[in-house]
């Protein structure tokens, strides 16, 4: 199986660490676990994972405190997914995104949902490093951030629909299959439209020209 990426989980819950390691290694990822925010910051000073999964409540600091320290590591930081059961923190979500948070999941969540979010964030980070959206880095603002959030949501829904169509949750009835197929196709169309908003110049290029430009 191809290596899909290198993940760091920051969580002091041993059960969560064991489950996440099993889920992600089976999905083709390399995986490391540390239990405190300080351990994670030290890890990130010497290693470069593709993504960090962060539990909100750590023994030595909370998620917001970690994000503030994380900013001090400088540019090129990997995306962060925060995992929490504290629904009351949702009113601070904009603050967390302004500190560099990439995604936010409230427990409980499904394994496939988490893997889909992680895959999409890693893919987007790799695209950014290749300069695919470099022309819009100069236009960072609420509208672009909204488009990127919608892209991530559409990608996650597409991945879940694809899994259902492939029989990941057993056989679907004909009606269910038609519904899931409509969701899958709708997500693909939505991603295309959002992609044209992010890179409007691409809408006038053929697929071959786009591949040559971004390859």
N, C-alpha and C. Protein backbone atom coordinates (compact mmCIF):
# COMPACT_ATOMS: atom_id res chain seq x y z
N UNK A 1 0.84 -1.20 0.00
CA UNK A 1 0.00 0.00 0.00
C UNK A 1 0.87 1.25 0.00
N UNK A 2 0.51 2.23 -0.82
CA UNK A 2 1.29 3.46 -0.92
C UNK A 2 1.23 4.24 0.39
N UNK A 3 2.33 4.95 0.69
CA UNK A 3 2.39 5.77 1.89
C UNK A 3 1.55 7.03 1.67
N UNK A 4 0.48 7.19 2.45
CA UNK A 4 -0.42 8.33 2.27
C UNK A 4 0.00 9.55 3.08
N UNK A 5 0.93 9.36 4.00
CA UNK A 5 1.35 10.51 4.80
C UNK A 5 1.78 10.10 6.19
N UNK A 6 2.30 11.08 6.91
CA UNK A 6 2.88 10.89 8.24
C UNK A 6 2.07 11.73 9.22
N UNK A 7 1.45 11.09 10.21
CA UNK A 7 0.53 11.76 11.13
C UNK A 7 1.08 11.73 12.55
N UNK A 8 0.94 12.85 13.25
CA UNK A 8 1.24 12.92 14.67
C UNK A 8 -0.07 13.11 15.43
N UNK A 9 -0.37 12.20 16.37
CA UNK A 9 -1.52 12.35 17.26
C UNK A 9 -1.02 12.84 18.61
N UNK A 10 -1.66 13.89 19.13
CA UNK A 10 -1.33 14.43 20.45
C UNK A 10 -2.53 14.16 21.35
N UNK A 11 -2.43 13.12 22.19
CA UNK A 11 -3.57 12.69 23.00
C UNK A 11 -3.05 11.80 24.12
N UNK A 12 -3.48 12.05 25.36
CA UNK A 12 -3.01 11.24 26.48
C UNK A 12 -3.92 10.04 26.75
N UNK A 13 -4.95 9.84 25.94
CA UNK A 13 -5.85 8.71 26.07
C UNK A 13 -5.25 7.51 25.34
N UNK A 14 -4.82 6.50 26.10
CA UNK A 14 -4.16 5.34 25.50
C UNK A 14 -5.08 4.61 24.52
N UNK A 15 -6.36 4.49 24.86
CA UNK A 15 -7.30 3.80 23.97
C UNK A 15 -7.44 4.53 22.65
N UNK A 16 -7.53 5.86 22.71
CA UNK A 16 -7.63 6.64 21.48
C UNK A 16 -6.38 6.45 20.64
N UNK A 17 -5.23 6.42 21.29
CA UNK A 17 -3.98 6.22 20.57
C UNK A 17 -3.93 4.88 19.86
N UNK A 18 -4.36 3.82 20.55
CA UNK A 18 -4.35 2.48 19.95
C UNK A 18 -5.32 2.38 18.78
N UNK A 19 -6.53 2.92 18.98
CA UNK A 19 -7.54 2.85 17.91
C UNK A 19 -7.11 3.66 16.70
N UNK A 20 -6.64 4.89 16.94
CA UNK A 20 -6.24 5.75 15.83
C UNK A 20 -5.06 5.15 15.07
N UNK A 21 -4.10 4.58 15.81
CA UNK A 21 -2.95 3.96 15.14
C UNK A 21 -3.41 2.82 14.23
N UNK A 22 -4.33 1.99 14.74
CA UNK A 22 -4.82 0.86 13.94
C UNK A 22 -5.56 1.36 12.70
N UNK A 23 -6.45 2.34 12.89
CA UNK A 23 -7.24 2.85 11.77
C UNK A 23 -6.36 3.46 10.69
N UNK A 24 -5.40 4.29 11.10
CA UNK A 24 -4.61 5.01 10.11
C UNK A 24 -3.51 4.16 9.48
N UNK A 25 -2.93 3.24 10.23
CA UNK A 25 -1.93 2.37 9.61
C UNK A 25 -2.60 1.44 8.59
N UNK A 26 -3.81 0.98 8.90
CA UNK A 26 -4.54 0.17 7.92
C UNK A 26 -4.89 0.97 6.67
N UNK A 27 -5.09 2.29 6.85
CA UNK A 27 -5.43 3.15 5.71
C UNK A 27 -4.20 3.59 4.92
N UNK A 28 -3.00 3.19 5.38
CA UNK A 28 -1.80 3.49 4.62
C UNK A 28 -0.97 4.65 5.12
N UNK A 29 -1.18 5.09 6.37
CA UNK A 29 -0.44 6.21 6.93
C UNK A 29 0.63 5.72 7.90
N UNK A 30 1.70 6.50 8.03
CA UNK A 30 2.64 6.33 9.14
C UNK A 30 2.12 7.15 10.32
N UNK A 31 2.37 6.68 11.53
CA UNK A 31 1.65 7.24 12.68
C UNK A 31 2.55 7.29 13.91
N UNK A 32 2.52 8.44 14.60
CA UNK A 32 3.23 8.61 15.86
C UNK A 32 2.26 9.19 16.89
N UNK A 33 2.49 8.87 18.17
CA UNK A 33 1.64 9.38 19.25
C UNK A 33 2.52 10.00 20.33
N UNK A 34 2.16 11.19 20.78
CA UNK A 34 2.75 11.78 21.99
C UNK A 34 1.59 12.19 22.90
N UNK A 35 1.88 12.38 24.20
CA UNK A 35 0.80 12.54 25.16
C UNK A 35 0.64 13.94 25.72
N UNK A 36 1.58 14.83 25.48
CA UNK A 36 1.47 16.19 26.02
C UNK A 36 1.75 17.21 24.92
N UNK A 37 1.32 18.43 25.18
CA UNK A 37 1.58 19.49 24.23
C UNK A 37 3.06 19.79 24.10
N UNK A 38 3.78 19.74 25.22
CA UNK A 38 5.22 20.03 25.18
C UNK A 38 5.96 18.97 24.37
N UNK A 39 5.58 17.70 24.54
CA UNK A 39 6.20 16.64 23.74
C UNK A 39 5.95 16.87 22.25
N UNK A 40 4.73 17.31 21.93
CA UNK A 40 4.39 17.55 20.53
C UNK A 40 5.22 18.69 19.95
N UNK A 41 5.37 19.77 20.70
CA UNK A 41 6.14 20.91 20.21
C UNK A 41 7.61 20.53 20.00
N UNK A 42 8.16 19.73 20.92
CA UNK A 42 9.54 19.27 20.75
C UNK A 42 9.65 18.36 19.53
N UNK A 43 8.67 17.49 19.35
CA UNK A 43 8.63 16.60 18.18
C UNK A 43 8.65 17.42 16.89
N UNK A 44 7.83 18.46 16.85
CA UNK A 44 7.67 19.25 15.63
C UNK A 44 8.88 20.13 15.33
N UNK A 45 9.73 20.35 16.30
CA UNK A 45 10.95 21.13 16.04
C UNK A 45 11.99 20.30 15.29
N UNK A 46 11.87 18.98 15.34
CA UNK A 46 12.88 18.13 14.71
C UNK A 46 12.33 17.23 13.62
N UNK A 47 11.01 17.08 13.54
CA UNK A 47 10.41 16.21 12.53
C UNK A 47 9.29 16.96 11.81
N UNK A 48 8.90 16.41 10.67
CA UNK A 48 7.93 17.10 9.82
C UNK A 48 6.79 16.17 9.41
N UNK A 49 5.82 15.95 10.29
CA UNK A 49 4.65 15.16 9.89
C UNK A 49 3.82 15.93 8.86
N UNK A 50 2.98 15.21 8.15
CA UNK A 50 2.10 15.85 7.17
C UNK A 50 0.88 16.47 7.82
N UNK A 51 0.54 16.00 9.04
CA UNK A 51 -0.65 16.51 9.72
C UNK A 51 -0.56 16.20 11.21
N UNK A 52 -1.15 17.08 12.02
CA UNK A 52 -1.23 16.88 13.47
C UNK A 52 -2.69 16.73 13.87
N UNK A 53 -3.01 15.67 14.62
CA UNK A 53 -4.32 15.51 15.24
C UNK A 53 -4.16 15.83 16.72
N UNK A 54 -4.94 16.77 17.20
CA UNK A 54 -4.74 17.33 18.54
C UNK A 54 -6.00 17.18 19.39
N UNK A 55 -5.88 16.50 20.53
CA UNK A 55 -6.98 16.48 21.48
C UNK A 55 -7.03 17.82 22.20
N UNK A 56 -8.24 18.35 22.43
CA UNK A 56 -8.34 19.68 23.03
C UNK A 56 -7.77 19.71 24.44
N UNK A 57 -8.08 18.70 25.26
CA UNK A 57 -7.65 18.69 26.65
C UNK A 57 -6.42 17.81 26.82
N UNK A 58 -5.28 18.43 27.07
CA UNK A 58 -4.03 17.71 27.30
C UNK A 58 -3.61 17.89 28.75
N UNK A 59 -2.71 17.05 29.26
CA UNK A 59 -2.32 17.17 30.67
C UNK A 59 -1.65 18.49 31.01
N UNK A 60 -0.93 19.09 30.05
CA UNK A 60 -0.15 20.29 30.36
C UNK A 60 -0.68 21.57 29.74
N UNK A 61 -1.62 21.48 28.82
CA UNK A 61 -2.19 22.68 28.19
C UNK A 61 -3.44 22.29 27.43
N UNK A 62 -4.25 23.29 27.07
CA UNK A 62 -5.42 22.99 26.24
C UNK A 62 -5.10 23.30 24.78
N UNK A 63 -6.07 23.02 23.91
CA UNK A 63 -5.83 23.18 22.48
C UNK A 63 -5.50 24.60 22.08
N UNK A 64 -6.17 25.57 22.69
CA UNK A 64 -5.91 26.97 22.34
C UNK A 64 -4.48 27.37 22.71
N UNK A 65 -4.04 26.94 23.89
CA UNK A 65 -2.67 27.25 24.32
C UNK A 65 -1.66 26.59 23.38
N UNK A 66 -1.96 25.35 22.98
CA UNK A 66 -1.05 24.66 22.06
C UNK A 66 -0.94 25.43 20.74
N UNK A 67 -2.07 25.87 20.21
CA UNK A 67 -2.06 26.58 18.93
C UNK A 67 -1.23 27.87 19.02
N UNK A 68 -1.28 28.54 20.15
CA UNK A 68 -0.49 29.78 20.30
C UNK A 68 1.01 29.46 20.29
N UNK A 69 1.40 28.37 20.95
CA UNK A 69 2.81 27.95 20.90
C UNK A 69 3.17 27.46 19.50
N UNK A 70 2.23 26.81 18.86
CA UNK A 70 2.46 26.22 17.53
C UNK A 70 2.80 27.30 16.51
N UNK A 71 2.16 28.46 16.64
CA UNK A 71 2.44 29.56 15.71
C UNK A 71 3.90 30.00 15.77
N UNK A 72 4.52 29.83 16.93
CA UNK A 72 5.90 30.27 17.10
C UNK A 72 6.89 29.40 16.33
N UNK A 73 6.43 28.25 15.82
CA UNK A 73 7.33 27.37 15.07
C UNK A 73 7.64 27.92 13.69
N UNK A 74 6.90 28.94 13.26
CA UNK A 74 7.19 29.58 11.98
C UNK A 74 6.42 28.98 10.83
N UNK A 75 6.74 29.42 9.60
CA UNK A 75 6.01 28.96 8.41
C UNK A 75 6.29 27.50 8.10
N UNK A 76 5.44 26.94 7.23
CA UNK A 76 5.62 25.56 6.82
C UNK A 76 5.08 24.54 7.81
N UNK A 77 4.26 25.00 8.76
CA UNK A 77 3.70 24.07 9.74
C UNK A 77 2.66 23.17 9.08
N UNK A 78 2.55 21.91 9.52
CA UNK A 78 1.52 21.03 8.95
C UNK A 78 0.13 21.42 9.43
N UNK A 79 -0.92 21.03 8.71
CA UNK A 79 -2.28 21.32 9.16
C UNK A 79 -2.60 20.60 10.47
N UNK A 80 -3.55 21.17 11.22
CA UNK A 80 -3.96 20.61 12.50
C UNK A 80 -5.46 20.33 12.50
N UNK A 81 -5.82 19.12 12.96
CA UNK A 81 -7.22 18.77 13.21
C UNK A 81 -7.40 18.67 14.72
N UNK A 82 -8.32 19.45 15.28
CA UNK A 82 -8.58 19.39 16.72
C UNK A 82 -9.74 18.44 17.00
N UNK A 83 -9.54 17.55 17.97
CA UNK A 83 -10.55 16.57 18.37
C UNK A 83 -11.03 16.92 19.78
N UNK A 84 -12.33 17.04 19.96
CA UNK A 84 -12.83 17.42 21.28
C UNK A 84 -14.24 16.91 21.51
N UNK A 85 -14.59 16.71 22.77
CA UNK A 85 -15.97 16.41 23.13
C UNK A 85 -16.61 17.62 23.79
N UNK A 86 -15.90 18.73 23.81
CA UNK A 86 -16.37 19.94 24.48
C UNK A 86 -17.14 20.81 23.48
N UNK A 87 -18.42 20.49 23.32
CA UNK A 87 -19.24 21.23 22.36
C UNK A 87 -19.35 22.70 22.73
N UNK A 88 -19.16 23.02 24.02
CA UNK A 88 -19.28 24.41 24.44
C UNK A 88 -18.15 25.26 23.90
N UNK A 89 -17.10 24.63 23.32
CA UNK A 89 -16.00 25.40 22.76
C UNK A 89 -16.27 25.84 21.33
N UNK A 90 -17.40 25.41 20.76
CA UNK A 90 -17.68 25.75 19.38
C UNK A 90 -17.82 27.25 19.15
N UNK A 91 -18.18 28.01 20.22
CA UNK A 91 -18.32 29.45 20.04
C UNK A 91 -16.97 30.13 19.88
N UNK A 92 -15.88 29.41 20.11
CA UNK A 92 -14.53 29.97 19.94
C UNK A 92 -13.89 29.50 18.65
N UNK A 93 -14.64 28.84 17.79
CA UNK A 93 -14.04 28.20 16.62
C UNK A 93 -13.32 29.19 15.73
N UNK A 94 -13.85 30.40 15.55
CA UNK A 94 -13.19 31.37 14.69
C UNK A 94 -11.83 31.76 15.25
N UNK A 95 -11.74 31.83 16.59
CA UNK A 95 -10.45 32.13 17.21
C UNK A 95 -9.44 31.04 16.90
N UNK A 96 -9.87 29.79 16.95
CA UNK A 96 -8.96 28.68 16.70
C UNK A 96 -8.47 28.69 15.26
N UNK A 97 -9.36 28.97 14.31
CA UNK A 97 -8.94 29.02 12.91
C UNK A 97 -7.95 30.16 12.69
N UNK A 98 -8.14 31.26 13.37
CA UNK A 98 -7.21 32.38 13.21
C UNK A 98 -5.84 32.06 13.79
N UNK A 99 -5.78 31.04 14.66
CA UNK A 99 -4.51 30.61 15.24
C UNK A 99 -3.85 29.50 14.43
N UNK A 100 -4.47 29.11 13.32
CA UNK A 100 -3.85 28.12 12.45
C UNK A 100 -4.54 26.78 12.40
N UNK A 101 -5.69 26.63 13.09
CA UNK A 101 -6.42 25.37 13.04
C UNK A 101 -6.97 25.13 11.64
N UNK A 102 -6.91 23.87 11.19
CA UNK A 102 -7.38 23.53 9.84
C UNK A 102 -8.76 22.90 9.85
N UNK A 103 -9.07 22.10 10.87
CA UNK A 103 -10.38 21.42 10.95
C UNK A 103 -10.67 21.11 12.40
N UNK A 104 -11.95 20.86 12.70
CA UNK A 104 -12.42 20.73 14.08
C UNK A 104 -13.49 19.64 14.10
N UNK A 105 -13.28 18.56 14.85
CA UNK A 105 -14.25 17.48 14.93
C UNK A 105 -14.67 17.27 16.39
N UNK A 106 -15.98 17.20 16.61
CA UNK A 106 -16.52 16.97 17.95
C UNK A 106 -16.83 15.48 18.10
N UNK A 107 -16.31 14.87 19.16
CA UNK A 107 -16.56 13.46 19.43
C UNK A 107 -18.03 13.26 19.83
N UNK A 108 -18.63 12.11 19.46
CA UNK A 108 -18.05 11.01 18.69
C UNK A 108 -18.12 11.28 17.19
N UNK A 109 -17.17 10.73 16.46
CA UNK A 109 -17.17 10.83 15.00
C UNK A 109 -16.75 9.47 14.44
N UNK A 110 -17.11 9.22 13.19
CA UNK A 110 -16.79 7.94 12.57
C UNK A 110 -15.35 7.88 12.10
N UNK A 111 -14.81 6.67 12.06
CA UNK A 111 -13.44 6.49 11.59
C UNK A 111 -13.28 6.95 10.15
N UNK A 112 -14.25 6.61 9.30
CA UNK A 112 -14.15 7.01 7.89
C UNK A 112 -14.20 8.52 7.74
N UNK A 113 -15.02 9.17 8.57
CA UNK A 113 -15.10 10.64 8.53
C UNK A 113 -13.75 11.25 8.86
N UNK A 114 -13.11 10.73 9.92
CA UNK A 114 -11.81 11.27 10.34
C UNK A 114 -10.75 11.03 9.27
N UNK A 115 -10.71 9.81 8.72
CA UNK A 115 -9.72 9.50 7.68
C UNK A 115 -9.93 10.39 6.45
N UNK A 116 -11.20 10.60 6.07
CA UNK A 116 -11.48 11.43 4.89
C UNK A 116 -11.01 12.86 5.11
N UNK A 117 -11.27 13.41 6.30
CA UNK A 117 -10.83 14.78 6.60
C UNK A 117 -9.31 14.87 6.55
N UNK A 118 -8.63 13.89 7.16
CA UNK A 118 -7.17 13.88 7.18
C UNK A 118 -6.60 13.77 5.76
N UNK A 119 -7.14 12.85 4.97
CA UNK A 119 -6.64 12.69 3.59
C UNK A 119 -6.78 13.99 2.80
N UNK A 120 -7.93 14.65 2.95
CA UNK A 120 -8.17 15.86 2.18
C UNK A 120 -7.28 17.02 2.63
N UNK A 121 -7.04 17.12 3.93
CA UNK A 121 -6.17 18.19 4.42
C UNK A 121 -4.73 17.98 3.96
N UNK A 122 -4.26 16.74 4.01
CA UNK A 122 -2.90 16.45 3.55
C UNK A 122 -2.77 16.73 2.06
N UNK A 123 -3.78 16.33 1.30
CA UNK A 123 -3.75 16.58 -0.14
C UNK A 123 -3.71 18.07 -0.43
N UNK A 124 -4.53 18.84 0.29
CA UNK A 124 -4.57 20.29 0.06
C UNK A 124 -3.25 20.94 0.44
N UNK A 125 -2.65 20.48 1.55
CA UNK A 125 -1.36 21.04 1.98
C UNK A 125 -0.28 20.74 0.95
N UNK A 126 -0.30 19.54 0.38
CA UNK A 126 0.69 19.20 -0.64
C UNK A 126 0.48 20.03 -1.91
N UNK A 127 -0.77 20.28 -2.27
CA UNK A 127 -1.05 21.12 -3.42
C UNK A 127 -0.54 22.54 -3.19
N UNK A 128 -0.75 23.05 -1.98
CA UNK A 128 -0.26 24.39 -1.67
C UNK A 128 1.26 24.47 -1.77
N UNK A 129 1.93 23.41 -1.28
CA UNK A 129 3.39 23.42 -1.34
C UNK A 129 3.89 23.40 -2.77
N UNK A 130 3.11 22.79 -3.68
CA UNK A 130 3.50 22.77 -5.09
C UNK A 130 3.14 24.07 -5.79
N UNK A 131 2.44 24.96 -5.07
CA UNK A 131 2.14 26.27 -5.64
C UNK A 131 0.86 26.33 -6.43
N UNK A 132 -0.03 25.30 -6.31
CA UNK A 132 -1.24 25.30 -7.11
C UNK A 132 -2.15 26.47 -6.76
N UNK A 133 -2.18 26.87 -5.50
CA UNK A 133 -3.03 27.99 -5.13
C UNK A 133 -2.21 29.21 -4.71
N UNK A 134 -0.97 29.29 -5.22
CA UNK A 134 -0.10 30.40 -4.83
C UNK A 134 -0.68 31.74 -5.24
N UNK A 135 -1.39 31.76 -6.39
CA UNK A 135 -1.93 33.03 -6.85
C UNK A 135 -2.97 33.60 -5.91
N UNK A 136 -3.58 32.74 -5.07
CA UNK A 136 -4.61 33.23 -4.15
C UNK A 136 -4.07 33.47 -2.74
N UNK A 137 -2.82 33.09 -2.46
CA UNK A 137 -2.29 33.37 -1.14
C UNK A 137 -2.25 34.87 -0.88
N UNK A 138 -2.15 35.65 -1.95
CA UNK A 138 -2.12 37.10 -1.81
C UNK A 138 -3.51 37.67 -1.60
N UNK A 139 -4.53 36.81 -1.71
CA UNK A 139 -5.90 37.28 -1.58
C UNK A 139 -6.61 36.61 -0.41
N UNK A 140 -5.84 36.23 0.60
CA UNK A 140 -6.41 35.56 1.76
C UNK A 140 -7.45 36.45 2.43
N UNK A 141 -8.62 35.90 2.68
CA UNK A 141 -9.68 36.65 3.31
C UNK A 141 -10.85 35.75 3.60
N UNK A 142 -11.92 36.30 4.20
CA UNK A 142 -13.07 35.48 4.58
C UNK A 142 -13.69 34.71 3.42
N UNK A 143 -13.77 35.32 2.23
CA UNK A 143 -14.41 34.64 1.11
C UNK A 143 -13.60 33.43 0.67
N UNK A 144 -12.28 33.59 0.56
CA UNK A 144 -11.47 32.45 0.15
C UNK A 144 -11.51 31.35 1.20
N UNK A 145 -11.47 31.73 2.48
CA UNK A 145 -11.51 30.73 3.55
C UNK A 145 -12.83 29.97 3.52
N UNK A 146 -13.93 30.67 3.20
CA UNK A 146 -15.23 30.00 3.09
C UNK A 146 -15.20 28.99 1.94
N UNK A 147 -14.63 29.39 0.80
CA UNK A 147 -14.54 28.48 -0.34
C UNK A 147 -13.72 27.25 0.02
N UNK A 148 -12.60 27.45 0.72
CA UNK A 148 -11.75 26.32 1.09
C UNK A 148 -12.47 25.39 2.06
N UNK A 149 -13.25 25.96 3.00
CA UNK A 149 -14.02 25.12 3.92
C UNK A 149 -15.06 24.31 3.16
N UNK A 150 -15.72 24.94 2.17
CA UNK A 150 -16.70 24.22 1.36
C UNK A 150 -16.03 23.12 0.54
N UNK A 151 -14.84 23.40 0.03
CA UNK A 151 -14.11 22.38 -0.72
C UNK A 151 -13.82 21.17 0.15
N UNK A 152 -13.36 21.42 1.37
CA UNK A 152 -13.03 20.33 2.29
C UNK A 152 -14.27 19.50 2.62
N UNK A 153 -15.40 20.19 2.86
CA UNK A 153 -16.64 19.49 3.15
C UNK A 153 -17.09 18.64 1.97
N UNK A 154 -17.02 19.21 0.76
CA UNK A 154 -17.42 18.47 -0.44
C UNK A 154 -16.51 17.27 -0.67
N UNK A 155 -15.21 17.42 -0.43
CA UNK A 155 -14.28 16.31 -0.59
C UNK A 155 -14.58 15.20 0.40
N UNK A 156 -14.90 15.57 1.65
CA UNK A 156 -15.21 14.57 2.66
C UNK A 156 -16.48 13.81 2.31
N UNK A 157 -17.52 14.54 1.88
CA UNK A 157 -18.77 13.89 1.50
C UNK A 157 -18.58 12.99 0.29
N UNK A 158 -17.76 13.44 -0.67
CA UNK A 158 -17.50 12.60 -1.84
C UNK A 158 -16.81 11.30 -1.44
N UNK A 159 -15.84 11.40 -0.52
CA UNK A 159 -15.12 10.21 -0.07
C UNK A 159 -16.05 9.24 0.64
N UNK A 160 -16.95 9.76 1.48
CA UNK A 160 -17.89 8.90 2.18
C UNK A 160 -18.87 8.25 1.21
N UNK A 161 -19.35 9.03 0.24
CA UNK A 161 -20.28 8.47 -0.76
C UNK A 161 -19.59 7.40 -1.59
N UNK A 162 -18.33 7.63 -1.96
CA UNK A 162 -17.59 6.64 -2.74
C UNK A 162 -17.43 5.34 -1.95
N UNK A 163 -17.19 5.48 -0.62
CA UNK A 163 -17.06 4.30 0.22
C UNK A 163 -18.36 3.51 0.28
N UNK A 164 -19.48 4.22 0.39
CA UNK A 164 -20.78 3.55 0.42
C UNK A 164 -21.07 2.84 -0.89
N UNK A 165 -20.76 3.49 -2.00
CA UNK A 165 -21.00 2.88 -3.31
C UNK A 165 -20.12 1.66 -3.53
N UNK A 166 -18.94 1.66 -2.88
CA UNK A 166 -18.03 0.53 -3.02
C UNK A 166 -18.39 -0.63 -2.10
N UNK A 167 -19.45 -0.44 -1.29
CA UNK A 167 -19.89 -1.52 -0.42
C UNK A 167 -19.26 -1.53 0.94
N UNK A 168 -18.70 -0.36 1.36
CA UNK A 168 -18.03 -0.31 2.65
C UNK A 168 -18.95 -0.58 3.83
N UNK A 169 -20.24 -0.29 3.69
CA UNK A 169 -21.19 -0.53 4.78
C UNK A 169 -22.24 -1.56 4.39
N UNK A 170 -21.89 -2.50 3.51
CA UNK A 170 -22.85 -3.51 3.09
C UNK A 170 -23.62 -3.06 1.86
N UNK A 171 -24.52 -3.92 1.42
CA UNK A 171 -25.27 -3.65 0.20
C UNK A 171 -26.29 -2.53 0.40
N UNK A 172 -26.40 -1.68 -0.61
CA UNK A 172 -27.41 -0.63 -0.61
C UNK A 172 -28.60 -1.07 -1.45
N UNK A 173 -29.78 -0.60 -1.07
CA UNK A 173 -30.93 -0.83 -1.92
C UNK A 173 -30.78 0.03 -3.18
N UNK A 174 -31.59 -0.26 -4.19
CA UNK A 174 -31.50 0.52 -5.43
C UNK A 174 -31.78 2.00 -5.17
N UNK A 175 -32.77 2.26 -4.33
CA UNK A 175 -33.11 3.66 -4.02
C UNK A 175 -31.97 4.34 -3.28
N UNK A 176 -31.37 3.62 -2.32
CA UNK A 176 -30.24 4.19 -1.58
C UNK A 176 -29.06 4.45 -2.49
N UNK A 177 -28.80 3.52 -3.41
CA UNK A 177 -27.68 3.68 -4.34
C UNK A 177 -27.88 4.91 -5.23
N UNK A 178 -29.12 5.12 -5.69
CA UNK A 178 -29.40 6.29 -6.52
C UNK A 178 -29.17 7.58 -5.73
N UNK A 179 -29.60 7.57 -4.46
CA UNK A 179 -29.43 8.75 -3.62
C UNK A 179 -27.96 9.05 -3.38
N UNK A 180 -27.19 8.00 -3.02
CA UNK A 180 -25.77 8.19 -2.75
C UNK A 180 -25.03 8.60 -4.03
N UNK A 181 -25.43 8.03 -5.17
CA UNK A 181 -24.81 8.41 -6.44
C UNK A 181 -25.05 9.89 -6.75
N UNK A 182 -26.27 10.36 -6.45
CA UNK A 182 -26.58 11.77 -6.68
C UNK A 182 -25.72 12.66 -5.78
N UNK A 183 -25.53 12.24 -4.53
CA UNK A 183 -24.68 13.00 -3.61
C UNK A 183 -23.24 13.02 -4.12
N UNK A 184 -22.76 11.86 -4.55
CA UNK A 184 -21.38 11.75 -5.06
C UNK A 184 -21.16 12.67 -6.26
N UNK A 185 -22.07 12.60 -7.23
CA UNK A 185 -21.93 13.43 -8.43
C UNK A 185 -22.09 14.91 -8.11
N UNK A 186 -23.00 15.22 -7.18
CA UNK A 186 -23.18 16.61 -6.79
C UNK A 186 -21.93 17.18 -6.13
N UNK A 187 -21.28 16.37 -5.29
CA UNK A 187 -20.05 16.83 -4.64
C UNK A 187 -18.94 17.07 -5.66
N UNK A 188 -18.86 16.22 -6.66
CA UNK A 188 -17.84 16.41 -7.70
C UNK A 188 -18.09 17.69 -8.48
N UNK A 189 -19.36 17.95 -8.81
CA UNK A 189 -19.68 19.19 -9.53
C UNK A 189 -19.39 20.41 -8.66
N UNK A 190 -19.74 20.31 -7.36
CA UNK A 190 -19.49 21.42 -6.45
C UNK A 190 -18.00 21.71 -6.33
N UNK A 191 -17.18 20.66 -6.24
CA UNK A 191 -15.74 20.86 -6.16
C UNK A 191 -15.20 21.54 -7.42
N UNK A 192 -15.74 21.17 -8.58
CA UNK A 192 -15.31 21.80 -9.83
C UNK A 192 -15.64 23.30 -9.82
N UNK A 193 -16.86 23.63 -9.39
CA UNK A 193 -17.26 25.03 -9.35
C UNK A 193 -16.42 25.81 -8.34
N UNK A 194 -16.18 25.21 -7.18
CA UNK A 194 -15.37 25.89 -6.16
C UNK A 194 -13.93 26.04 -6.64
N UNK A 195 -13.44 25.02 -7.36
CA UNK A 195 -12.09 25.11 -7.90
C UNK A 195 -11.95 26.26 -8.87
N UNK A 196 -13.00 26.52 -9.65
CA UNK A 196 -12.96 27.64 -10.58
C UNK A 196 -12.96 28.98 -9.85
N UNK A 197 -13.59 29.02 -8.66
CA UNK A 197 -13.54 30.24 -7.86
C UNK A 197 -12.14 30.47 -7.31
N UNK A 198 -11.48 29.37 -6.91
CA UNK A 198 -10.14 29.48 -6.34
C UNK A 198 -9.11 29.81 -7.40
N UNK A 199 -9.23 29.16 -8.57
CA UNK A 199 -8.31 29.39 -9.68
C UNK A 199 -9.11 29.72 -10.94
N UNK A 200 -9.66 30.93 -11.04
CA UNK A 200 -10.54 31.26 -12.16
C UNK A 200 -9.87 31.12 -13.51
N UNK A 201 -8.55 31.30 -13.59
CA UNK A 201 -7.87 31.19 -14.88
C UNK A 201 -7.97 29.79 -15.45
N UNK A 202 -8.12 28.78 -14.57
CA UNK A 202 -8.18 27.40 -15.03
C UNK A 202 -9.46 27.09 -15.77
N UNK A 203 -10.52 27.87 -15.55
CA UNK A 203 -11.81 27.55 -16.16
C UNK A 203 -11.77 27.66 -17.67
N UNK A 204 -10.78 28.40 -18.21
CA UNK A 204 -10.66 28.55 -19.65
C UNK A 204 -9.61 27.64 -20.26
N UNK A 205 -9.02 26.74 -19.42
CA UNK A 205 -8.00 25.84 -19.92
C UNK A 205 -8.56 24.43 -20.05
N UNK A 206 -7.99 23.67 -20.95
CA UNK A 206 -8.36 22.27 -21.07
C UNK A 206 -7.75 21.51 -19.90
N UNK A 207 -8.28 20.30 -19.55
CA UNK A 207 -7.67 19.51 -18.47
C UNK A 207 -6.19 19.26 -18.70
N UNK A 208 -5.79 19.01 -19.97
CA UNK A 208 -4.38 18.76 -20.25
C UNK A 208 -3.54 19.99 -19.94
N UNK A 209 -4.06 21.18 -20.29
CA UNK A 209 -3.33 22.41 -20.01
C UNK A 209 -3.22 22.65 -18.51
N UNK A 210 -4.30 22.32 -17.76
CA UNK A 210 -4.25 22.50 -16.32
C UNK A 210 -3.21 21.57 -15.70
N UNK A 211 -3.14 20.32 -16.18
CA UNK A 211 -2.15 19.38 -15.65
C UNK A 211 -0.74 19.87 -15.94
N UNK A 212 -0.54 20.42 -17.15
CA UNK A 212 0.79 20.93 -17.50
C UNK A 212 1.16 22.12 -16.63
N UNK A 213 0.16 22.98 -16.36
CA UNK A 213 0.41 24.16 -15.55
C UNK A 213 0.75 23.80 -14.12
N UNK A 214 -0.01 22.83 -13.55
CA UNK A 214 0.11 22.54 -12.12
C UNK A 214 0.97 21.33 -11.83
N UNK A 215 1.43 20.61 -12.83
CA UNK A 215 2.17 19.38 -12.60
C UNK A 215 3.53 19.61 -12.00
